[in-house]
Structure formats: C-alpha cells, structure tokens
C-alpha atoms as a PDB file:
ATOM      1  CA  UNK A   1     102.283  86.107 103.398  1.00  0.00           C
ATOM      2  CA  UNK A   2     100.853  83.014 101.692  1.00  0.00           C
ATOM      3  CA  UNK A   3     102.366  83.923  98.335  1.00  0.00           C
ATOM      4  CA  UNK A   4     105.880  84.412  99.671  1.00  0.00           C
ATOM      5  CA  UNK A   5     105.792  81.219 101.717  1.00  0.00           C
ATOM      6  CA  UNK A   6     104.428  79.299  98.733  1.00  0.00           C
ATOM      7  CA  UNK A   7     107.187  80.720  96.523  1.00  0.00           C
ATOM      8  CA  UNK A   8     109.824  79.537  99.001  1.00  0.00           C
ATOM      9  CA  UNK A   9     108.388  76.009  99.152  1.00  0.00           C
ATOM     10  CA  UNK A  10     108.299  75.827  95.350  1.00  0.00           C
ATOM     11  CA  UNK A  11     111.979  76.831  95.238  1.00  0.00           C
ATOM     12  CA  UNK A  12     112.874  74.203  97.854  1.00  0.00           C
ATOM     13  CA  UNK A  13     110.954  71.596  95.847  1.00  0.00           C
ATOM     14  CA  UNK A  14     112.949  72.442  92.742  1.00  0.00           C
ATOM     15  CA  UNK A  15     110.318  74.406  90.809  1.00  0.00           C
ATOM     16  CA  UNK A  16     108.354  73.159  87.826  1.00  0.00           C
ATOM     17  CA  UNK A  17     104.845  71.745  87.616  1.00  0.00           C
ATOM     18  CA  UNK A  18     105.455  69.118  90.319  1.00  0.00           C
ATOM     19  CA  UNK A  19     106.351  71.814  92.858  1.00  0.00           C
ATOM     20  CA  UNK A  20     103.368  73.901  91.768  1.00  0.00           C
ATOM     21  CA  UNK A  21     101.061  70.885  92.217  1.00  0.00           C
ATOM     22  CA  UNK A  22     102.378  70.251  95.735  1.00  0.00           C
ATOM     23  CA  UNK A  23     102.058  73.822  97.029  1.00  0.00           C
ATOM     24  CA  UNK A  24      98.519  74.970  97.828  1.00  0.00           C
ATOM     25  CA  UNK A  25      98.021  78.713  98.241  1.00  0.00           C
ATOM     26  CA  UNK A  26      95.128  79.816 100.411  1.00  0.00           C
ATOM     27  CA  UNK A  27      94.907  83.568 100.765  1.00  0.00           C
ATOM     28  CA  UNK A  28      93.853  86.504  98.658  1.00  0.00           C
ATOM     29  CA  UNK A  29      93.734  86.645  95.661  1.00  0.00           C
ATOM     30  CA  UNK A  30      93.448  82.857  95.359  1.00  0.00           C
ATOM     31  CA  UNK A  31      89.987  81.358  94.812  1.00  0.00           C
ATOM     32  CA  UNK A  32      90.127  78.991  97.785  1.00  0.00           C
ATOM     33  CA  UNK A  33      89.950  81.775 100.361  1.00  0.00           C
ATOM     34  CA  UNK A  34      86.793  83.094  98.706  1.00  0.00           C
ATOM     35  CA  UNK A  35      85.312  79.590  98.580  1.00  0.00           C
ATOM     36  CA  UNK A  36      85.859  79.325 102.341  1.00  0.00           C
ATOM     37  CA  UNK A  37      84.363  82.755 103.014  1.00  0.00           C
ATOM     38  CA  UNK A  38      81.328  82.355 100.760  1.00  0.00           C
ATOM     39  CA  UNK A  39      80.545  78.731 101.691  1.00  0.00           C
ATOM     40  CA  UNK A  40      78.656  78.080  98.485  1.00  0.00           C
ATOM     41  CA  UNK A  41      76.875  81.440  98.272  1.00  0.00           C
ATOM     42  CA  UNK A  42      76.721  83.232  94.944  1.00  0.00           C
ATOM     43  CA  UNK A  43      79.798  85.497  94.633  1.00  0.00           C
ATOM     44  CA  UNK A  44      77.707  88.177  92.912  1.00  0.00           C
ATOM     45  CA  UNK A  45      75.864  88.688  96.217  1.00  0.00           C
ATOM     46  CA  UNK A  46      79.088  89.572  98.060  1.00  0.00           C
ATOM     47  CA  UNK A  47      81.427  92.560  98.235  1.00  0.00           C
ATOM     48  CA  UNK A  48      85.196  92.321  98.658  1.00  0.00           C
ATOM     49  CA  UNK A  49      86.259  95.399 100.629  1.00  0.00           C
ATOM     50  CA  UNK A  50      89.955  96.084 100.639  1.00  0.00           C
ATOM     51  CA  UNK A  51      92.799  98.501 100.119  1.00  0.00           C
ATOM     52  CA  UNK A  52      95.094  96.406  97.904  1.00  0.00           C
ATOM     53  CA  UNK A  53      94.655  96.101  94.161  1.00  0.00           C
ATOM     54  CA  UNK A  54      97.006  93.122  93.980  1.00  0.00           C
ATOM     55  CA  UNK A  55      95.119  90.920  96.430  1.00  0.00           C
ATOM     56  CA  UNK A  56      91.700  92.344  97.329  1.00  0.00           C
ATOM     57  CA  UNK A  57      90.425  93.784  94.057  1.00  0.00           C
ATOM     58  CA  UNK A  58      92.196  91.202  91.870  1.00  0.00           C
ATOM     59  CA  UNK A  59      90.709  88.327  93.882  1.00  0.00           C
ATOM     60  CA  UNK A  60      87.224  89.833  93.960  1.00  0.00           C
ATOM     61  CA  UNK A  61      87.301  90.460  90.205  1.00  0.00           C
ATOM     62  CA  UNK A  62      88.467  86.907  89.553  1.00  0.00           C
ATOM     63  CA  UNK A  63      85.569  85.257  91.390  1.00  0.00           C
ATOM     64  CA  UNK A  64      82.896  87.678  90.182  1.00  0.00           C
ATOM     65  CA  UNK A  65      81.961  89.553  93.340  1.00  0.00           C
ATOM     66  CA  UNK A  66      81.651  93.299  93.728  1.00  0.00           C
ATOM     67  CA  UNK A  67      84.782  95.107  94.839  1.00  0.00           C
ATOM     68  CA  UNK A  68      85.133  98.217  96.982  1.00  0.00           C
ATOM     69  CA  UNK A  69      88.600  99.766  96.869  1.00  0.00           C
ATOM     70  CA  UNK A  70      89.467 101.864  99.947  1.00  0.00           C
ATOM     71  CA  UNK A  71      92.099 104.479  99.122  1.00  0.00           C
ATOM     72  CA  UNK A  72      93.158 106.809 101.950  1.00  0.00           C
ATOM     73  CA  UNK A  73      93.242 104.127 104.641  1.00  0.00           C
ATOM     74  CA  UNK A  74      95.345 101.745 102.609  1.00  0.00           C
ATOM     75  CA  UNK A  75      98.544 100.950 100.817  1.00  0.00           C
ATOM     76  CA  UNK A  76      97.734 102.954  97.673  1.00  0.00           C
ATOM     77  CA  UNK A  77      97.128 106.188  99.585  1.00  0.00           C
ATOM     78  CA  UNK A  78     100.591 107.638  98.802  1.00  0.00           C
ATOM     79  CA  UNK A  79     100.136 106.915  95.082  1.00  0.00           C
ATOM     80  CA  UNK A  80      96.845 108.818  95.029  1.00  0.00           C
ATOM     81  CA  UNK A  81      97.582 111.620  97.514  1.00  0.00           C
ATOM     82  CA  UNK A  82     100.680 112.823  95.661  1.00  0.00           C
ATOM     83  CA  UNK A  83      98.436 113.887  92.774  1.00  0.00           C
ATOM     84  CA  UNK A  84      96.705 117.276  92.893  1.00  0.00           C
ATOM     85  CA  UNK A  85      93.298 115.810  92.042  1.00  0.00           C
ATOM     86  CA  UNK A  86      91.875 112.794  93.921  1.00  0.00           C
ATOM     87  CA  UNK A  87      89.935 111.368  90.959  1.00  0.00           C
ATOM     88  CA  UNK A  88      92.918 111.666  88.611  1.00  0.00           C
ATOM     89  CA  UNK A  89      95.144 110.116  91.283  1.00  0.00           C
ATOM     90  CA  UNK A  90      92.812 107.119  91.616  1.00  0.00           C
ATOM     91  CA  UNK A  91      92.662 106.622  87.852  1.00  0.00           C
ATOM     92  CA  UNK A  92      96.431 106.955  87.493  1.00  0.00           C
ATOM     93  CA  UNK A  93      97.176 104.524  90.349  1.00  0.00           C
ATOM     94  CA  UNK A  94      94.797 101.978  88.824  1.00  0.00           C
ATOM     95  CA  UNK A  95      96.270 102.422  85.351  1.00  0.00           C
ATOM     96  CA  UNK A  96      99.844 102.181  86.676  1.00  0.00           C
ATOM     97  CA  UNK A  97      98.954  98.965  88.513  1.00  0.00           C
ATOM     98  CA  UNK A  98      97.439  97.381  85.397  1.00  0.00           C
ATOM     99  CA  UNK A  99     100.380  98.393  83.190  1.00  0.00           C
ATOM    100  CA  UNK A 100     102.872  96.987  85.711  1.00  0.00           C
ATOM    101  CA  UNK A 101     100.814  93.790  86.065  1.00  0.00           C
ATOM    102  CA  UNK A 102     100.817  93.252  82.298  1.00  0.00           C
ATOM    103  CA  UNK A 103     104.598  93.734  82.123  1.00  0.00           C
ATOM    104  CA  UNK A 104     105.417  91.468  85.065  1.00  0.00           C
ATOM    105  CA  UNK A 105     102.808  88.745  84.616  1.00  0.00           C
ATOM    106  CA  UNK A 106     102.049  89.083  80.894  1.00  0.00           C
ATOM    107  CA  UNK A 107      98.325  89.130  81.747  1.00  0.00           C
ATOM    108  CA  UNK A 108      95.709  90.909  79.709  1.00  0.00           C
ATOM    109  CA  UNK A 109      93.100  90.891  82.512  1.00  0.00           C
ATOM    110  CA  UNK A 110      92.380  94.419  83.718  1.00  0.00           C
ATOM    111  CA  UNK A 111      91.853  94.876  87.453  1.00  0.00           C
ATOM    112  CA  UNK A 112      88.972  97.275  88.067  1.00  0.00           C
ATOM    113  CA  UNK A 113      87.065  97.917  91.287  1.00  0.00           C
ATOM    114  CA  UNK A 114      83.305  98.439  91.113  1.00  0.00           C
ATOM    115  CA  UNK A 115      83.439 101.209  93.713  1.00  0.00           C
ATOM    116  CA  UNK A 116      86.164 103.461  95.102  1.00  0.00           C
ATOM    117  CA  UNK A 117      85.964 105.357  98.396  1.00  0.00           C
ATOM    118  CA  UNK A 118      88.511 107.429 100.299  1.00  0.00           C
ATOM    119  CA  UNK A 119      87.751 105.988 103.772  1.00  0.00           C
ATOM    120  CA  UNK A 120      85.964 102.990 105.229  1.00  0.00           C
ATOM    121  CA  UNK A 121      84.520 103.079 108.722  1.00  0.00           C
ATOM    122  CA  UNK A 122      82.574 100.162 110.155  1.00  0.00           C
END
C-alpha cells in the first residue's frame, strides 16, 4: 500500500517536514494518481468507481470527479449488510466513516459519493 510504505519511509527519515517533502505518494486518494489517469482531461468528465470510502470516494471528491460507491462487492459490505435496511445501512456506514475521519484526521471535509450501487458488473 502506497500510504503504508510512505509512512515507513517518513519514520526512517526521522519525520517532520523534510521527510514529508522527500516522500512522494502516488496512489489513491492522492492527486497524482488521478493526474496520471486523466492526462489533462477535465475531472468533471470522469467517474471514480470504487468500493472504498477512504481511497476511492475521498480521492474522487478531492479532485472534483463523479464518484460511484459500490457496496456489496466491496470492503464496506459488512457494515451495510448488518443493518436491516439497505438504504439506512449505506447512510450509517457513510456517516460513521465521516465521524471517524473527523476524529482521527481533524478534517471538516465530508466524503460523499455522487452515486451508490449494490453491485458493479462490467
């Protein structure tokens, strides 16, 4: 995982702004991966399809493209399926994610997919 590897290099480099400047993260949700994928195209003409709020939807929201959150085929499926109602489960999983994100990262940005579907088949 790019984030984990980057974290380890920053620790080895002693932390601080110098370590942060030396470590380049390329992977979702970081902007650079979207720059590579879009190759100069307008982000609003693209859709980020993914199952993970932390990487897929967060990254898509950050660059301004549409986001499609896939539930039952992804990592958040257990969070949603344990609820009696699918719609309530989706809303609760999304709310829980945003509350946890604010506590851990002290961010006020709310992660919100444009569309939510239970399954994605190509």
